[in-house]
Amino acid sequence: MAEFVVIRLGRDHNPMVEWIVADDNGTRRSQPSRGALEEAAAAVQGRSVIVLLPATETLTTVVNLPMRAGSKLNAALPYALEEQVAVDVDTMHFAAGDKRESGVRPVAAVAREQLERWLAELEEAGITPWKMVPENYGLARIPGTISVLVDDDCVFFNDGEDAEFVMQGATPSDALVATGQLTDRADDDVPPEPSGHLVVYCDAADEERLSHDWIALRHELHSVDINLLPDGALPRLAVTVASGQGVNLLQGHYGPRADYGSWLRPWSKAAMLLLAFLIIGFAGKGVDYYRLTQEEAALREQFAEAYAVFRPGDAGVIADPLQLVESLKRSLGTSSAPQVFLPSVLQLSVALRQNAEAKVESVSYRAGVFDVRITSPDVETVGKLQEAIAATGQFAASIQSTDKVDDRITSRIQIREAGS
C-alpha cells in the first residue's frame, strides 16, 4: 500500500497551502494541515507527492481523438482544443488521461508560465512532485449521479459521465442549468416530474448559505444528498486523486526524467566484477591466439624447409600444407580419402536400370572422381540419371557437357562423393 502527501496549492498566488496524507486505497492517513510550502515539505518524509492545482487556473475537458496515448496525441491536443481556449495554444501545456468507456479522453490544460511558476516554488521548498492534478478531479465521478462540491465561492461539478468543470461565483443550481440538467420551467402549465440524483459536499457554513438552493433543487430532482465536510474539502479531494483519479499534468516536456543511474547503482559492484572477468577472459584468449599464431608460423616454416628437400623445383608460398600433403598422397597412391569407385559404379548401375534408354559409351576414374560418357534419346533422360545418382545423398552428380549427335544426346556426367 503506497502513501502520498497530497498538497493543495492556494488560489490567486496565496502562499499558504494545505496538505494531508492519503493512501492508494482512497483512505486518509492524517489530519489536514495548513501552512507554508516549507512546512509541507517537512511532512513528505520519503513519500511521493501529489499536488492539487487550483481549478480556477486550469482547464479540464474531454476530447475524442482516434490515436493512442503518446507523442502523436500530445501533438494533436492543442489543435483539437483550440476553440475552447481563449489564449494562444502555444502558451498552454496540455495533458491527456486514459480513455474512458464512452471513448473520450479527459484532458487538462494550464498556462506554461503558471505551471513553471508552481514548479519553481515547489523546487525552492525542496518538493519534487510525482503528480500535479487539477483539484476538481478530486470530486469523484459516480455513474448516474450528479456530484457537486462547494468550496467557498467555487462549485466543482461532474455529471457522473464526461462533463466536469468548476464555476466561480455561482450556485449548484447555476451549474445544473449550465449543463442542461435543469431548465427554466416557469411557463410550464404542468409541473415536471423530478429527475436525477444529486450528491453535494460542503461545509456547514455553505449548507446554511445555500439553504434556499437546496429547497429548490429538491423540487427538481429525485434526491439531494448533502454531505458535510467538517475538515474542509481537502480530505475529500485527496482520497480521490490518491486512488489514481485525475489527469497528471507532468507529461511530455514536464514529465519525469528516467534516473538510470539510480537503477544501476545497486548493481555497480557486480557489473564491475563481471567486466573484470570479461577483460581477463579476453586477455587470456588474446595471449592464446598470439601463441598459436607463432606456433603455426614456425610449423609452416619447418614444413616449407622439408618440402623443399623433396620438391626443390617448386617455388612460391605454400597456402595450405594439409591440402598439399593430400595431393602428394594421391599422386603416390596412398590417399587417405575414402574409395568411391565401386559404390559409384553400383549407384550408376541402379540409375541406368531406372532409365533403360540411356547407354554408357565410356568410363574413367581418377583421384576419387568418376567420369561417364552416356548417350540418351533426350535431355530429360540425362536429368533423370543425374537425379537417380544423387538420390541417396552419398554422391553428387554434375553434368559437364551435353551435345546432340544425330538423333541422340551425348552427355558427360561427373560423379564424386557428396561434399568433396
Protein backbone atom coordinates (compact mmCIF):
# COMPACT_ATOMS: atom_id res chain seq x y z
CA MET A 1 0.00 0.00 0.00
CA ALA A 2 1.51 3.31 -1.12
CA GLU A 3 1.07 6.52 0.86
CA PHE A 4 1.10 10.00 -0.66
CA VAL A 5 1.35 13.51 0.68
CA VAL A 6 -1.36 15.48 -1.14
CA ILE A 7 -0.62 19.22 -1.20
CA ARG A 8 -3.31 21.67 -2.28
CA LEU A 9 -1.94 24.96 -3.58
CA GLY A 10 -3.65 28.25 -2.76
CA ARG A 11 -5.58 30.29 -5.33
CA ASP A 12 -4.52 33.66 -6.66
CA HIS A 13 -0.86 33.19 -5.63
CA ASN A 14 -1.78 32.62 -1.99
CA PRO A 15 1.44 31.30 -0.37
CA MET A 16 -0.49 29.25 2.18
CA VAL A 17 -1.13 25.60 1.24
CA GLU A 18 -2.98 22.62 2.71
CA TRP A 19 -1.71 19.05 2.92
CA ILE A 20 -2.79 15.63 4.10
CA VAL A 21 -1.52 12.02 3.87
CA ALA A 22 -3.67 9.51 1.94
CA ASP A 23 -3.05 6.02 0.51
CA ASP A 24 -3.82 4.43 -2.85
CA ASN A 25 -6.88 2.68 -1.39
CA GLY A 26 -8.52 6.08 -1.00
CA THR A 27 -8.08 6.29 2.77
CA ARG A 28 -6.87 9.37 4.63
CA ARG A 29 -3.89 8.71 6.90
CA SER A 30 -3.57 12.00 8.73
CA GLN A 31 -5.39 15.16 9.72
CA PRO A 32 -5.26 18.02 7.22
CA SER A 33 -2.70 20.74 7.91
CA ARG A 34 -2.20 24.27 6.71
CA GLY A 35 0.93 26.38 6.39
CA ALA A 36 3.79 27.33 4.09
CA LEU A 37 5.26 25.05 1.43
CA GLU A 38 8.39 24.54 3.55
CA GLU A 39 6.21 23.13 6.34
CA ALA A 40 4.51 20.78 3.89
CA ALA A 41 7.93 19.62 2.70
CA ALA A 42 8.77 18.50 6.23
CA ALA A 43 5.74 16.15 6.16
CA VAL A 44 6.86 14.37 2.97
CA GLN A 45 9.33 12.02 4.73
CA GLY A 46 10.11 9.94 1.66
CA ARG A 47 6.53 9.69 0.38
CA SER A 48 5.51 10.58 -3.18
CA VAL A 49 3.83 13.97 -3.53
CA ILE A 50 0.61 14.74 -5.41
CA VAL A 51 -0.04 18.44 -5.92
CA LEU A 52 -3.60 19.70 -6.39
CA LEU A 53 -3.67 22.76 -8.66
CA PRO A 54 -6.33 25.49 -8.35
CA ALA A 55 -9.23 24.52 -10.60
CA THR A 56 -9.83 28.19 -11.46
CA GLU A 57 -6.40 28.36 -13.12
CA THR A 58 -6.65 25.14 -15.13
CA LEU A 59 -8.93 23.82 -17.86
CA THR A 60 -10.50 20.35 -17.72
CA THR A 61 -12.40 18.92 -20.68
CA VAL A 62 -12.61 15.85 -22.91
CA VAL A 63 -11.57 15.05 -26.50
CA ASN A 64 -12.44 12.29 -28.91
CA LEU A 65 -9.31 11.57 -30.93
CA PRO A 66 -8.54 8.25 -32.67
CA MET A 67 -4.83 7.99 -31.83
CA ARG A 68 -3.44 6.22 -28.80
CA ALA A 69 -1.65 7.95 -25.95
CA GLY A 70 1.82 9.15 -26.88
CA SER A 71 3.64 11.90 -28.71
CA LYS A 72 1.12 11.99 -31.59
CA LEU A 73 -1.78 12.51 -29.19
CA ASN A 74 0.10 15.23 -27.28
CA ALA A 75 0.84 17.00 -30.56
CA ALA A 76 -2.82 16.86 -31.64
CA LEU A 77 -4.34 18.16 -28.37
CA PRO A 78 -3.64 21.91 -28.91
CA TYR A 79 -5.37 21.84 -32.31
CA ALA A 80 -8.32 19.80 -31.02
CA LEU A 81 -8.93 22.29 -28.17
CA GLU A 82 -8.01 25.49 -29.96
CA GLU A 83 -11.61 26.76 -29.97
CA GLN A 84 -12.06 26.08 -26.23
CA VAL A 85 -9.01 28.11 -25.18
CA ALA A 86 -9.19 31.89 -25.18
CA VAL A 87 -5.41 32.36 -25.43
CA ASP A 88 -2.74 31.21 -27.86
CA VAL A 89 -2.48 27.42 -27.55
CA ASP A 90 1.31 27.69 -27.93
CA THR A 91 1.40 29.26 -24.47
CA MET A 92 -0.54 26.34 -22.96
CA HIS A 93 0.54 22.88 -21.76
CA PHE A 94 -1.88 20.01 -22.45
CA ALA A 95 -2.03 16.53 -20.92
CA ALA A 96 -4.42 13.63 -21.56
CA GLY A 97 -5.64 10.83 -19.33
CA ASP A 98 -6.73 7.28 -20.05
CA LYS A 99 -9.62 6.73 -22.46
CA ARG A 100 -12.98 6.30 -20.76
CA GLU A 101 -15.68 3.75 -21.53
CA SER A 102 -17.51 6.37 -23.60
CA GLY A 103 -14.49 6.59 -25.92
CA VAL A 104 -13.39 10.11 -24.96
CA ARG A 105 -10.25 11.12 -23.08
CA PRO A 106 -10.12 13.61 -20.21
CA VAL A 107 -7.74 16.48 -20.89
CA ALA A 108 -6.22 19.06 -18.56
CA ALA A 109 -4.56 22.28 -19.70
CA VAL A 110 -2.68 25.07 -17.97
CA ALA A 111 -0.60 28.07 -18.95
CA ARG A 112 3.05 27.05 -19.25
CA GLU A 113 4.17 30.19 -17.40
CA GLN A 114 1.90 29.35 -14.46
CA LEU A 115 2.95 25.69 -14.36
CA GLU A 116 6.61 26.65 -14.38
CA ARG A 117 5.99 29.16 -11.57
CA TRP A 118 4.41 26.43 -9.42
CA LEU A 119 7.26 24.04 -10.19
CA ALA A 120 9.83 26.68 -9.23
CA GLU A 121 8.06 27.33 -5.91
CA LEU A 122 7.93 23.61 -5.14
CA GLU A 123 11.60 23.17 -6.02
CA GLU A 124 12.56 26.11 -3.81
CA ALA A 125 10.73 24.40 -0.93
CA GLY A 126 12.54 21.13 -1.63
CA ILE A 127 9.49 19.31 -3.02
CA THR A 128 9.62 17.16 -6.17
CA PRO A 129 6.03 16.37 -7.19
CA TRP A 130 5.11 12.94 -8.55
CA LYS A 131 1.82 14.21 -9.97
CA MET A 132 0.21 17.61 -10.49
CA VAL A 133 -3.57 17.30 -10.90
CA PRO A 134 -6.32 19.97 -11.22
CA GLU A 135 -8.19 19.89 -7.92
CA ASN A 136 -11.66 19.40 -9.40
CA TYR A 137 -10.64 15.86 -10.41
CA GLY A 138 -10.82 15.15 -6.69
CA LEU A 139 -14.63 15.19 -6.94
CA ALA A 140 -15.27 11.51 -7.68
CA ARG A 141 -17.42 10.59 -10.68
CA ILE A 142 -20.40 8.39 -9.69
CA PRO A 143 -22.24 6.85 -12.69
CA GLY A 144 -25.84 8.03 -12.92
CA THR A 145 -25.32 10.66 -10.25
CA ILE A 146 -24.63 14.40 -10.38
CA SER A 147 -21.86 15.40 -7.96
CA VAL A 148 -21.21 18.91 -6.63
CA LEU A 149 -18.59 20.17 -4.19
CA VAL A 150 -18.98 23.69 -2.83
CA ASP A 151 -15.74 25.32 -1.69
CA ASP A 152 -16.05 29.00 -0.75
CA ASP A 153 -17.17 30.77 -3.93
CA CYS A 154 -16.38 27.83 -6.25
CA VAL A 155 -18.64 24.97 -7.33
CA PHE A 156 -16.96 21.79 -8.60
CA PHE A 157 -19.32 19.80 -10.83
CA ASN A 158 -19.47 16.49 -12.69
CA ASP A 159 -22.44 14.62 -14.11
CA GLY A 160 -21.06 11.12 -13.47
CA GLU A 161 -20.10 10.82 -17.13
CA ASP A 162 -17.86 13.19 -19.08
CA ALA A 163 -18.86 16.72 -18.03
CA GLU A 164 -16.66 18.08 -15.22
CA PHE A 165 -15.74 21.70 -14.55
CA VAL A 166 -15.60 24.44 -11.93
CA MET A 167 -17.69 27.62 -11.74
CA GLN A 168 -16.68 30.61 -9.62
CA GLY A 169 -19.25 32.91 -8.01
CA ALA A 170 -22.10 30.52 -8.85
CA THR A 171 -24.55 28.23 -7.07
CA PRO A 172 -25.12 24.49 -7.59
CA SER A 173 -28.34 25.37 -9.44
CA ASP A 174 -26.35 27.54 -11.85
CA ALA A 175 -24.06 24.58 -12.61
CA LEU A 176 -27.01 22.27 -13.29
CA VAL A 177 -28.65 24.84 -15.57
CA ALA A 178 -25.34 25.33 -17.46
CA THR A 179 -25.23 21.63 -18.28
CA GLY A 180 -28.91 21.26 -19.13
CA GLN A 181 -29.68 19.24 -16.03
CA LEU A 182 -32.22 21.97 -15.10
CA THR A 183 -34.24 24.24 -17.40
CA ASP A 184 -36.35 27.33 -16.90
CA ARG A 185 -39.85 25.88 -16.44
CA ALA A 186 -41.66 28.99 -15.23
CA ASP A 187 -44.02 28.93 -18.21
CA ASP A 188 -44.90 25.24 -17.95
CA ASP A 189 -48.57 24.62 -17.18
CA VAL A 190 -47.87 21.20 -15.69
CA PRO A 191 -45.07 20.80 -13.12
CA PRO A 192 -42.38 18.42 -14.46
CA GLU A 193 -41.62 15.09 -12.90
CA PRO A 194 -38.48 15.16 -10.70
CA SER A 195 -35.43 13.54 -12.30
CA GLY A 196 -31.79 12.95 -11.37
CA HIS A 197 -29.86 12.33 -8.19
CA LEU A 198 -27.56 14.95 -6.69
CA VAL A 199 -24.75 14.39 -4.17
CA VAL A 200 -23.41 17.56 -2.55
CA TYR A 201 -20.24 18.06 -0.45
CA CYS A 202 -19.89 21.29 1.51
CA ASP A 203 -19.16 22.62 4.98
CA ALA A 204 -21.80 23.72 7.48
CA ALA A 205 -21.47 27.40 6.56
CA ASP A 206 -22.11 26.75 2.85
CA GLU A 207 -25.03 24.47 3.69
CA GLU A 208 -26.62 27.31 5.60
CA ARG A 209 -25.76 29.90 2.95
CA LEU A 210 -27.30 27.83 0.14
CA SER A 211 -30.36 26.58 2.06
CA HIS A 212 -32.80 28.11 -0.44
CA ASP A 213 -30.92 26.46 -3.31
CA TRP A 214 -31.27 23.05 -1.67
CA ILE A 215 -35.05 23.56 -1.29
CA ALA A 216 -35.37 24.45 -4.99
CA LEU A 217 -33.26 21.51 -6.10
CA ARG A 218 -35.28 19.04 -4.04
CA HIS A 219 -38.36 20.08 -6.05
CA GLU A 220 -36.49 19.49 -9.33
CA LEU A 221 -34.57 16.28 -8.62
CA HIS A 222 -35.36 12.85 -7.29
CA SER A 223 -32.96 13.27 -4.41
CA VAL A 224 -30.47 15.74 -2.97
CA ASP A 225 -27.94 14.17 -0.58
CA ILE A 226 -25.87 16.74 1.32
CA ASN A 227 -22.61 15.57 2.96
CA LEU A 228 -20.91 17.94 5.37
CA LEU A 229 -17.11 18.34 5.28
CA PRO A 230 -16.05 19.08 8.86
CA ASP A 231 -12.35 19.26 7.86
CA GLY A 232 -12.86 21.16 4.62
CA ALA A 233 -12.65 19.99 1.02
CA LEU A 234 -9.05 18.71 1.03
CA PRO A 235 -9.69 15.23 2.59
CA ARG A 236 -12.44 14.53 0.02
CA LEU A 237 -10.28 15.69 -2.90
CA ALA A 238 -7.13 13.95 -1.63
CA VAL A 239 -8.52 10.42 -1.24
CA THR A 240 -9.85 10.52 -4.80
CA VAL A 241 -6.63 11.58 -6.51
CA ALA A 242 -4.53 9.30 -4.26
CA SER A 243 -6.52 6.33 -5.60
CA GLY A 244 -5.37 7.20 -9.14
CA GLN A 245 -8.08 9.52 -10.47
CA GLY A 246 -7.40 12.66 -12.49
CA VAL A 247 -5.09 13.78 -15.28
CA ASN A 248 -1.44 14.27 -14.38
CA LEU A 249 -0.07 17.44 -15.96
CA LEU A 250 3.52 16.21 -15.56
CA GLN A 251 3.70 14.77 -19.05
CA GLY A 252 5.77 15.44 -22.16
CA HIS A 253 8.27 18.23 -21.55
CA TYR A 254 7.34 18.30 -17.86
CA GLY A 255 7.33 14.53 -17.41
CA PRO A 256 9.77 12.75 -15.11
CA ARG A 257 13.23 12.00 -16.42
CA ALA A 258 14.35 8.39 -16.10
CA ASP A 259 17.07 8.10 -13.47
CA TYR A 260 19.04 5.22 -14.94
CA GLY A 261 21.88 5.88 -12.54
CA SER A 262 19.75 5.04 -9.51
CA TRP A 263 18.55 1.86 -11.20
CA LEU A 264 22.06 0.68 -11.97
CA ARG A 265 23.72 1.82 -8.74
CA PRO A 266 22.83 -1.33 -6.72
CA TRP A 267 24.39 -3.45 -9.47
CA SER A 268 27.56 -1.42 -9.88
CA LYS A 269 29.83 -3.79 -7.92
CA ALA A 270 28.51 -6.87 -9.70
CA ALA A 271 28.89 -5.10 -13.06
CA MET A 272 32.50 -4.14 -12.28
CA LEU A 273 33.29 -7.72 -11.24
CA LEU A 274 31.70 -9.08 -14.43
CA LEU A 275 33.64 -6.55 -16.51
CA ALA A 276 36.90 -7.61 -14.81
CA PHE A 277 36.19 -11.28 -15.61
CA LEU A 278 35.44 -10.40 -19.25
CA ILE A 279 38.67 -8.40 -19.56
CA ILE A 280 40.70 -11.24 -18.04
CA GLY A 281 38.96 -13.77 -20.30
CA PHE A 282 39.56 -11.77 -23.48
CA ALA A 283 43.16 -11.09 -22.45
CA GLY A 284 43.71 -14.85 -21.97
CA LYS A 285 42.16 -15.58 -25.35
CA GLY A 286 44.37 -12.93 -26.93
CA VAL A 287 47.51 -14.45 -25.42
CA ASP A 288 46.48 -17.93 -26.61
CA TYR A 289 45.75 -16.63 -30.10
CA TYR A 290 49.13 -14.92 -30.30
CA ARG A 291 50.94 -18.07 -29.07
CA LEU A 292 49.11 -20.35 -31.52
CA THR A 293 49.79 -17.92 -34.38
CA GLN A 294 53.51 -18.02 -33.60
CA GLU A 295 53.47 -21.84 -33.41
CA GLU A 296 51.63 -22.05 -36.74
CA ALA A 297 54.18 -19.76 -38.40
CA ALA A 298 57.04 -21.93 -37.04
CA LEU A 299 55.39 -25.14 -38.26
CA ARG A 300 54.78 -23.63 -41.71
CA GLU A 301 58.43 -22.66 -41.90
CA GLN A 302 59.52 -26.20 -40.92
CA PHE A 303 57.15 -27.73 -43.49
CA ALA A 304 58.45 -25.41 -46.23
CA GLU A 305 62.04 -26.46 -45.44
CA ALA A 306 61.12 -30.17 -45.52
CA TYR A 307 59.08 -29.79 -48.73
CA ALA A 308 61.98 -28.02 -50.44
CA VAL A 309 64.09 -31.18 -49.85
CA PHE A 310 61.55 -33.36 -51.75
CA ARG A 311 60.50 -30.80 -54.38
CA PRO A 312 63.38 -28.34 -54.75
CA GLY A 313 61.97 -27.06 -58.04
CA ASP A 314 58.66 -25.83 -56.56
CA ALA A 315 58.68 -22.19 -55.57
CA GLY A 316 56.24 -19.80 -54.01
CA VAL A 317 54.31 -19.58 -50.75
CA ILE A 318 52.53 -22.74 -49.61
CA ALA A 319 48.94 -21.69 -48.93
CA ASP A 320 47.56 -24.94 -47.48
CA PRO A 321 50.11 -27.52 -46.28
CA LEU A 322 47.38 -30.10 -45.47
CA GLN A 323 45.94 -29.96 -48.97
CA LEU A 324 49.44 -30.23 -50.40
CA VAL A 325 50.11 -33.39 -48.33
CA GLU A 326 46.86 -34.95 -49.55
CA SER A 327 47.83 -34.16 -53.12
CA LEU A 328 51.19 -35.88 -52.59
CA LYS A 329 49.43 -38.92 -51.13
CA ARG A 330 47.10 -39.19 -54.09
CA SER A 331 49.98 -38.93 -56.51
CA LEU A 332 51.74 -41.78 -54.65
CA GLY A 333 48.54 -43.85 -54.45
CA THR A 334 48.31 -43.59 -50.69
CA SER A 335 45.48 -41.07 -50.33
CA SER A 336 43.51 -41.38 -47.13
CA ALA A 337 40.35 -40.25 -48.97
CA PRO A 338 37.60 -42.89 -48.94
CA GLN A 339 37.26 -45.01 -52.11
CA VAL A 340 34.22 -44.19 -54.25
CA PHE A 341 34.76 -46.25 -57.37
CA LEU A 342 32.77 -49.38 -56.56
CA PRO A 343 29.96 -47.59 -54.69
CA SER A 344 29.63 -45.07 -57.51
CA VAL A 345 29.54 -47.87 -60.12
CA LEU A 346 26.79 -49.53 -58.12
CA GLN A 347 24.79 -46.31 -57.93
CA LEU A 348 25.31 -45.69 -61.65
CA SER A 349 24.00 -49.18 -62.49
CA VAL A 350 20.89 -48.54 -60.39
CA ALA A 351 20.30 -45.27 -62.26
CA LEU A 352 20.77 -46.99 -65.66
CA ARG A 353 18.25 -49.68 -64.76
CA GLN A 354 15.74 -46.95 -63.98
CA ASN A 355 16.48 -45.25 -67.33
CA ALA A 356 17.00 -48.09 -69.80
CA GLU A 357 17.07 -45.74 -72.84
CA ALA A 358 20.49 -44.42 -71.73
CA LYS A 359 23.69 -46.17 -72.84
CA VAL A 360 27.21 -45.91 -71.36
CA GLU A 361 29.82 -45.02 -74.01
CA SER A 362 32.95 -44.67 -71.81
CA VAL A 363 34.06 -44.60 -68.19
CA SER A 364 37.12 -43.07 -66.49
CA TYR A 365 38.11 -42.81 -62.82
CA ARG A 366 40.84 -40.72 -61.22
CA ALA A 367 41.51 -39.47 -57.71
CA GLY A 368 38.01 -40.19 -56.44
CA VAL A 369 36.26 -38.63 -59.47
CA PHE A 370 34.22 -40.86 -61.80
CA ASP A 371 33.60 -39.58 -65.38
CA VAL A 372 30.93 -41.29 -67.50
CA ARG A 373 30.02 -40.55 -71.12
CA ILE A 374 26.41 -41.50 -71.85
CA THR A 375 24.07 -41.34 -74.84
CA SER A 376 20.34 -40.93 -74.39
CA PRO A 377 17.32 -40.15 -76.55
CA ASP A 378 16.69 -36.73 -74.92
CA VAL A 379 17.94 -34.22 -72.36
CA GLU A 380 15.19 -35.20 -69.91
CA THR A 381 16.69 -38.69 -69.57
CA VAL A 382 20.06 -37.13 -68.69
CA GLY A 383 18.39 -35.14 -65.93
CA LYS A 384 16.69 -38.26 -64.57
CA LEU A 385 20.05 -40.05 -64.49
CA GLN A 386 21.59 -37.18 -62.56
CA GLU A 387 18.75 -37.23 -60.00
CA ALA A 388 18.89 -41.03 -59.62
CA ILE A 389 22.65 -40.98 -58.95
CA ALA A 390 22.28 -38.27 -56.29
CA ALA A 391 19.13 -39.79 -54.78
CA THR A 392 20.86 -41.49 -51.82
CA GLY A 393 22.77 -38.37 -50.86
CA GLN A 394 26.09 -40.25 -50.89
CA PHE A 395 27.18 -38.92 -54.30
CA ALA A 396 26.92 -35.69 -56.18
CA ALA A 397 26.40 -35.88 -59.96
CA SER A 398 27.04 -32.92 -62.24
CA ILE A 399 26.51 -32.68 -66.00
CA GLN A 400 29.74 -31.43 -67.53
CA SER A 401 28.64 -31.25 -71.19
CA THR A 402 25.75 -32.13 -73.46
CA ASP A 403 25.88 -32.44 -77.28
CA LYS A 404 23.43 -33.65 -79.89
CA VAL A 405 24.81 -36.24 -82.31
CA ASP A 406 22.35 -37.35 -85.00
CA ASP A 407 19.13 -38.12 -83.12
CA ARG A 408 20.70 -38.84 -79.71
CA ILE A 409 22.12 -36.76 -76.89
CA THR A 410 25.74 -37.33 -75.80
CA SER A 411 26.48 -36.19 -72.24
CA ARG A 412 29.37 -36.32 -69.80
CA ILE A 413 28.43 -36.79 -66.15
CA GLN A 414 30.94 -36.42 -63.33
CA ILE A 415 30.31 -38.36 -60.11
CA ARG A 416 32.08 -37.65 -56.82
CA GLU A 417 31.41 -38.14 -53.17
CA ALA A 418 28.91 -35.62 -51.82
CA GLY A 419 30.58 -32.72 -50.05
CA SER A 420 34.02 -33.29 -51.53
